[in-house]
Amino acid sequence: MFENVGFGELLIIMVVILILFGGKKIPEVAQSFGKGIREFKKGLNGVQDELKKTIDEVKDEEKK
């Protein structure tokens, strides 16, 4: 998806972000983004754990 993004494009994106949010707001936005990603990963891991648990239960019932 981002294979063709070079340094120039990244620089333009950073300048636009700086203009939109300002220097003081960027750390807050980055922190919120990080928390969102962390919560998403926790939810994803929870779903994976539930799937593994269900698969193990089904396998146990098949053995009986």
PDB file of N, CA and C in Angstrom:
ATOM      1  N   MET A   1       0.819  -1.189   0.000  1.00  0.00           N
ATOM      2  CA  MET A   1       0.000   0.000   0.000  1.00  0.00           C
ATOM      3  C   MET A   1       0.868   1.260   0.000  1.00  0.00           C
ATOM      4  N   PHE A   2       1.919   1.275   0.802  1.00  0.00           N
ATOM      5  CA  PHE A   2       2.754   2.467   0.904  1.00  0.00           C
ATOM      6  C   PHE A   2       4.121   2.266   0.262  1.00  0.00           C
ATOM      7  N   GLU A   3       4.232   1.368  -0.718  1.00  0.00           N
ATOM      8  CA  GLU A   3       5.529   1.096  -1.321  1.00  0.00           C
ATOM      9  C   GLU A   3       6.097   2.300  -2.060  1.00  0.00           C
ATOM     10  N   ASN A   4       5.225   3.115  -2.635  1.00  0.00           N
ATOM     11  CA  ASN A   4       5.668   4.215  -3.481  1.00  0.00           C
ATOM     12  C   ASN A   4       5.752   5.550  -2.742  1.00  0.00           C
ATOM     13  N   VAL A   5       5.681   5.532  -1.427  1.00  0.00           N
ATOM     14  CA  VAL A   5       5.767   6.764  -0.653  1.00  0.00           C
ATOM     15  C   VAL A   5       7.234   7.024  -0.355  1.00  0.00           C
ATOM     16  N   GLY A   6       7.733   8.121  -0.890  1.00  0.00           N
ATOM     17  CA  GLY A   6       9.131   8.471  -0.688  1.00  0.00           C
ATOM     18  C   GLY A   6       9.299   9.537   0.377  1.00  0.00           C
ATOM     19  N   PHE A   7      10.523  10.015   0.499  1.00  0.00           N
ATOM     20  CA  PHE A   7      10.834  11.021   1.514  1.00  0.00           C
ATOM     21  C   PHE A   7      10.073  12.317   1.264  1.00  0.00           C
ATOM     22  N   GLY A   8       9.980  12.720   0.015  1.00  0.00           N
ATOM     23  CA  GLY A   8       9.272  13.965  -0.317  1.00  0.00           C
ATOM     24  C   GLY A   8       7.811  13.921   0.085  1.00  0.00           C
ATOM     25  N   GLU A   9       7.160  12.805  -0.184  1.00  0.00           N
ATOM     26  CA  GLU A   9       5.757  12.661   0.179  1.00  0.00           C
ATOM     27  C   GLU A   9       5.574  12.658   1.693  1.00  0.00           C
ATOM     28  N   LEU A  10       6.475  11.962   2.390  1.00  0.00           N
ATOM     29  CA  LEU A  10       6.402  11.943   3.855  1.00  0.00           C
ATOM     30  C   LEU A  10       6.605  13.337   4.439  1.00  0.00           C
ATOM     31  N   LEU A  11       7.509  14.090   3.853  1.00  0.00           N
ATOM     32  CA  LEU A  11       7.760  15.456   4.318  1.00  0.00           C
ATOM     33  C   LEU A  11       6.522  16.325   4.133  1.00  0.00           C
ATOM     34  N   ILE A  12       5.863  16.196   2.995  1.00  0.00           N
ATOM     35  CA  ILE A  12       4.642  16.970   2.739  1.00  0.00           C
ATOM     36  C   ILE A  12       3.553  16.587   3.731  1.00  0.00           C
ATOM     37  N   ILE A  13       3.405  15.294   3.992  1.00  0.00           N
ATOM     38  CA  ILE A  13       2.404  14.828   4.953  1.00  0.00           C
ATOM     39  C   ILE A  13       2.689  15.397   6.336  1.00  0.00           C
ATOM     40  N   MET A  14       3.945  15.380   6.749  1.00  0.00           N
ATOM     41  CA  MET A  14       4.323  15.917   8.064  1.00  0.00           C
ATOM     42  C   MET A  14       4.030  17.410   8.169  1.00  0.00           C
ATOM     43  N   VAL A  15       4.304  18.160   7.109  1.00  0.00           N
ATOM     44  CA  VAL A  15       4.039  19.605   7.122  1.00  0.00           C
ATOM     45  C   VAL A  15       2.542  19.857   7.230  1.00  0.00           C
ATOM     46  N   VAL A  16       1.745  19.099   6.492  1.00  0.00           N
ATOM     47  CA  VAL A  16       0.288  19.267   6.553  1.00  0.00           C
ATOM     48  C   VAL A  16      -0.219  18.954   7.961  1.00  0.00           C
ATOM     49  N   ILE A  17       0.279  17.883   8.566  1.00  0.00           N
ATOM     50  CA  ILE A  17      -0.122  17.532   9.927  1.00  0.00           C
ATOM     51  C   ILE A  17       0.273  18.639  10.895  1.00  0.00           C
ATOM     52  N   LEU A  18       1.462  19.176  10.733  1.00  0.00           N
ATOM     53  CA  LEU A  18       1.928  20.263  11.600  1.00  0.00           C
ATOM     54  C   LEU A  18       1.038  21.486  11.452  1.00  0.00           C
ATOM     55  N   ILE A  19       0.634  21.791  10.243  1.00  0.00           N
ATOM     56  CA  ILE A  19      -0.237  22.949  10.013  1.00  0.00           C
ATOM     57  C   ILE A  19      -1.623  22.707  10.616  1.00  0.00           C
ATOM     58  N   LEU A  20      -2.161  21.508  10.431  1.00  0.00           N
ATOM     59  CA  LEU A  20      -3.507  21.218  10.917  1.00  0.00           C
ATOM     60  C   LEU A  20      -3.593  21.172  12.438  1.00  0.00           C
ATOM     61  N   PHE A  21      -2.649  20.523  13.081  1.00  0.00           N
ATOM     62  CA  PHE A  21      -2.745  20.297  14.515  1.00  0.00           C
ATOM     63  C   PHE A  21      -1.882  21.237  15.350  1.00  0.00           C
ATOM     64  N   GLY A  22      -0.855  21.810  14.792  1.00  0.00           N
ATOM     65  CA  GLY A  22       0.034  22.659  15.568  1.00  0.00           C
ATOM     66  C   GLY A  22       1.041  21.839  16.352  1.00  0.00           C
ATOM     67  N   GLY A  23       2.102  22.478  16.766  1.00  0.00           N
ATOM     68  CA  GLY A  23       3.197  21.789  17.449  1.00  0.00           C
ATOM     69  C   GLY A  23       2.827  21.217  18.798  1.00  0.00           C
ATOM     70  N   LYS A  24       1.940  21.887  19.532  1.00  0.00           N
ATOM     71  CA  LYS A  24       1.591  21.423  20.872  1.00  0.00           C
ATOM     72  C   LYS A  24       0.602  20.268  20.842  1.00  0.00           C
ATOM     73  N   LYS A  25      -0.185  20.173  19.804  1.00  0.00           N
ATOM     74  CA  LYS A  25      -1.240  19.166  19.740  1.00  0.00           C
ATOM     75  C   LYS A  25      -0.747  17.818  19.205  1.00  0.00           C
ATOM     76  N   ILE A  26       0.364  17.811  18.474  1.00  0.00           N
ATOM     77  CA  ILE A  26       0.867  16.585  17.845  1.00  0.00           C
ATOM     78  C   ILE A  26       1.168  15.482  18.867  1.00  0.00           C
ATOM     79  N   PRO A  27       1.845  15.761  19.995  1.00  0.00           N
ATOM     80  CA  PRO A  27       2.081  14.680  20.961  1.00  0.00           C
ATOM     81  C   PRO A  27       0.788  14.074  21.513  1.00  0.00           C
ATOM     82  N   GLU A  28      -0.232  14.923  21.723  1.00  0.00           N
ATOM     83  CA  GLU A  28      -1.507  14.415  22.216  1.00  0.00           C
ATOM     84  C   GLU A  28      -2.171  13.508  21.182  1.00  0.00           C
ATOM     85  N   VAL A  29      -2.121  13.915  19.925  1.00  0.00           N
ATOM     86  CA  VAL A  29      -2.708  13.116  18.853  1.00  0.00           C
ATOM     87  C   VAL A  29      -1.958  11.789  18.731  1.00  0.00           C
ATOM     88  N   ALA A  30      -0.643  11.824  18.793  1.00  0.00           N
ATOM     89  CA  ALA A  30       0.159  10.603  18.692  1.00  0.00           C
ATOM     90  C   ALA A  30      -0.123   9.669  19.869  1.00  0.00           C
ATOM     91  N   GLN A  31      -0.275  10.229  21.053  1.00  0.00           N
ATOM     92  CA  GLN A  31      -0.569   9.419  22.232  1.00  0.00           C
ATOM     93  C   GLN A  31      -1.941   8.758  22.102  1.00  0.00           C
ATOM     94  N   SER A  32      -2.916   9.498  21.646  1.00  0.00           N
ATOM     95  CA  SER A  32      -4.257   8.942  21.444  1.00  0.00           C
ATOM     96  C   SER A  32      -4.234   7.848  20.385  1.00  0.00           C
ATOM     97  N   PHE A  33      -3.480   8.057  19.330  1.00  0.00           N
ATOM     98  CA  PHE A  33      -3.353   7.062  18.275  1.00  0.00           C
ATOM     99  C   PHE A  33      -2.713   5.788  18.817  1.00  0.00           C
ATOM    100  N   GLY A  34      -1.685   5.940  19.624  1.00  0.00           N
ATOM    101  CA  GLY A  34      -1.021   4.787  20.233  1.00  0.00           C
ATOM    102  C   GLY A  34      -1.950   4.017  21.156  1.00  0.00           C
ATOM    103  N   LYS A  35      -2.744   4.733  21.948  1.00  0.00           N
ATOM    104  CA  LYS A  35      -3.697   4.071  22.845  1.00  0.00           C
ATOM    105  C   LYS A  35      -4.746   3.311  22.033  1.00  0.00           C
ATOM    106  N   GLY A  36      -5.186   3.907  20.953  1.00  0.00           N
ATOM    107  CA  GLY A  36      -6.172   3.242  20.103  1.00  0.00           C
ATOM    108  C   GLY A  36      -5.633   1.953  19.516  1.00  0.00           C
ATOM    109  N   ILE A  37      -4.399   1.987  19.051  1.00  0.00           N
ATOM    110  CA  ILE A  37      -3.771   0.783  18.488  1.00  0.00           C
ATOM    111  C   ILE A  37      -3.611  -0.279  19.573  1.00  0.00           C
ATOM    112  N   ARG A  38      -3.213   0.133  20.763  1.00  0.00           N
ATOM    113  CA  ARG A  38      -3.044  -0.800  21.876  1.00  0.00           C
ATOM    114  C   ARG A  38      -4.371  -1.482  22.228  1.00  0.00           C
ATOM    115  N   GLU A  39      -5.449  -0.711  22.287  1.00  0.00           N
ATOM    116  CA  GLU A  39      -6.759  -1.273  22.600  1.00  0.00           C
ATOM    117  C   GLU A  39      -7.226  -2.222  21.493  1.00  0.00           C
ATOM    118  N   PHE A  40      -6.947  -1.865  20.253  1.00  0.00           N
ATOM    119  CA  PHE A  40      -7.310  -2.731  19.126  1.00  0.00           C
ATOM    120  C   PHE A  40      -6.585  -4.068  19.224  1.00  0.00           C
ATOM    121  N   LYS A  41      -5.298  -4.033  19.551  1.00  0.00           N
ATOM    122  CA  LYS A  41      -4.527  -5.268  19.691  1.00  0.00           C
ATOM    123  C   LYS A  41      -5.050  -6.118  20.844  1.00  0.00           C
ATOM    124  N   LYS A  42      -5.424  -5.473  21.962  1.00  0.00           N
ATOM    125  CA  LYS A  42      -5.996  -6.216  23.090  1.00  0.00           C
ATOM    126  C   LYS A  42      -7.280  -6.915  22.669  1.00  0.00           C
ATOM    127  N   GLY A  43      -8.129  -6.213  21.944  1.00  0.00           N
ATOM    128  CA  GLY A  43      -9.377  -6.803  21.474  1.00  0.00           C
ATOM    129  C   GLY A  43      -9.124  -7.947  20.516  1.00  0.00           C
ATOM    130  N   LEU A  44      -8.166  -7.771  19.633  1.00  0.00           N
ATOM    131  CA  LEU A  44      -7.826  -8.816  18.672  1.00  0.00           C
ATOM    132  C   LEU A  44      -7.294 -10.052  19.382  1.00  0.00           C
ATOM    133  N   ASN A  45      -6.449  -9.851  20.370  1.00  0.00           N
ATOM    134  CA  ASN A  45      -5.929 -10.981  21.141  1.00  0.00           C
ATOM    135  C   ASN A  45      -7.044 -11.681  21.906  1.00  0.00           C
ATOM    136  N   GLY A  46      -8.010 -10.918  22.405  1.00  0.00           N
ATOM    137  CA  GLY A  46      -9.142 -11.515  23.105  1.00  0.00           C
ATOM    138  C   GLY A  46      -9.958 -12.407  22.190  1.00  0.00           C
ATOM    139  N   VAL A  47     -10.168 -11.952  20.963  1.00  0.00           N
ATOM    140  CA  VAL A  47     -10.911 -12.749  19.992  1.00  0.00           C
ATOM    141  C   VAL A  47     -10.138 -14.016  19.650  1.00  0.00           C
ATOM    142  N   GLN A  48      -8.839 -13.906  19.465  1.00  0.00           N
ATOM    143  CA  GLN A  48      -8.016 -15.075  19.164  1.00  0.00           C
ATOM    144  C   GLN A  48      -8.058 -16.082  20.308  1.00  0.00           C
ATOM    145  N   ASP A  49      -7.986 -15.582  21.540  1.00  0.00           N
ATOM    146  CA  ASP A  49      -8.042 -16.473  22.699  1.00  0.00           C
ATOM    147  C   ASP A  49      -9.381 -17.203  22.760  1.00  0.00           C
ATOM    148  N   GLU A  50     -10.469 -16.502  22.490  1.00  0.00           N
ATOM    149  CA  GLU A  50     -11.790 -17.132  22.500  1.00  0.00           C
ATOM    150  C   GLU A  50     -11.903 -18.197  21.414  1.00  0.00           C
ATOM    151  N   LEU A  51     -11.356 -17.911  20.233  1.00  0.00           N
ATOM    152  CA  LEU A  51     -11.387 -18.889  19.145  1.00  0.00           C
ATOM    153  C   LEU A  51     -10.592 -20.137  19.514  1.00  0.00           C
ATOM    154  N   LYS A  52      -9.402 -19.950  20.078  1.00  0.00           N
ATOM    155  CA  LYS A  52      -8.586 -21.093  20.491  1.00  0.00           C
ATOM    156  C   LYS A  52      -9.313 -21.919  21.547  1.00  0.00           C
ATOM    157  N   LYS A  53      -9.941 -21.233  22.489  1.00  0.00           N
ATOM    158  CA  LYS A  53     -10.672 -21.911  23.560  1.00  0.00           C
ATOM    159  C   LYS A  53     -11.820 -22.731  22.981  1.00  0.00           C
ATOM    160  N   THR A  54     -12.553 -22.148  22.045  1.00  0.00           N
ATOM    161  CA  THR A  54     -13.673 -22.853  21.421  1.00  0.00           C
ATOM    162  C   THR A  54     -13.193 -24.049  20.612  1.00  0.00           C
ATOM    163  N   ILE A  55     -12.117 -23.879  19.877  1.00  0.00           N
ATOM    164  CA  ILE A  55     -11.557 -24.984  19.086  1.00  0.00           C
ATOM    165  C   ILE A  55     -11.108 -26.114  20.001  1.00  0.00           C
ATOM    166  N   ASP A  56     -10.459 -25.774  21.108  1.00  0.00           N
ATOM    167  CA  ASP A  56     -10.024 -26.801  22.060  1.00  0.00           C
ATOM    168  C   ASP A  56     -11.214 -27.544  22.654  1.00  0.00           C
ATOM    169  N   GLU A  57     -12.297 -26.818  22.963  1.00  0.00           N
ATOM    170  CA  GLU A  57     -13.489 -27.457  23.516  1.00  0.00           C
ATOM    171  C   GLU A  57     -14.113 -28.409  22.500  1.00  0.00           C
ATOM    172  N   VAL A  58     -14.152 -27.997  21.237  1.00  0.00           N
ATOM    173  CA  VAL A  58     -14.720 -28.844  20.190  1.00  0.00           C
ATOM    174  C   VAL A  58     -13.871 -30.099  20.015  1.00  0.00           C
ATOM    175  N   LYS A  59     -12.567 -29.943  20.031  1.00  0.00           N
ATOM    176  CA  LYS A  59     -11.676 -31.103  19.910  1.00  0.00           C
ATOM    177  C   LYS A  59     -11.860 -32.062  21.069  1.00  0.00           C
ATOM    178  N   ASP A  60     -12.022 -31.521  22.286  1.00  0.00           N
ATOM    179  CA  ASP A  60     -12.235 -32.365  23.466  1.00  0.00           C
ATOM    180  C   ASP A  60     -13.547 -33.151  23.336  1.00  0.00           C
ATOM    181  N   GLU A  61     -14.578 -32.506  22.827  1.00  0.00           N
ATOM    182  CA  GLU A  61     -15.876 -33.179  22.666  1.00  0.00           C
ATOM    183  C   GLU A  61     -15.788 -34.257  21.589  1.00  0.00           C
ATOM    184  N   GLU A  62     -14.990 -34.028  20.551  1.00  0.00           N
ATOM    185  CA  GLU A  62     -14.842 -35.022  19.494  1.00  0.00           C
ATOM    186  C   GLU A  62     -14.116 -36.261  19.995  1.00  0.00           C
ATOM    187  N   LYS A  63     -13.205 -36.097  20.940  1.00  0.00           N
ATOM    188  CA  LYS A  63     -12.468 -37.229  21.485  1.00  0.00           C
ATOM    189  C   LYS A  63     -13.353 -38.161  22.304  1.00  0.00           C
ATOM    190  N   LYS A  64     -14.426 -37.621  22.858  1.00  0.00           N
ATOM    191  CA  LYS A  64     -15.314 -38.402  23.731  1.00  0.00           C
ATOM    192  C   LYS A  64     -16.151 -39.323  22.959  1.00  0.00           C
TER     193      LYS A  64
END
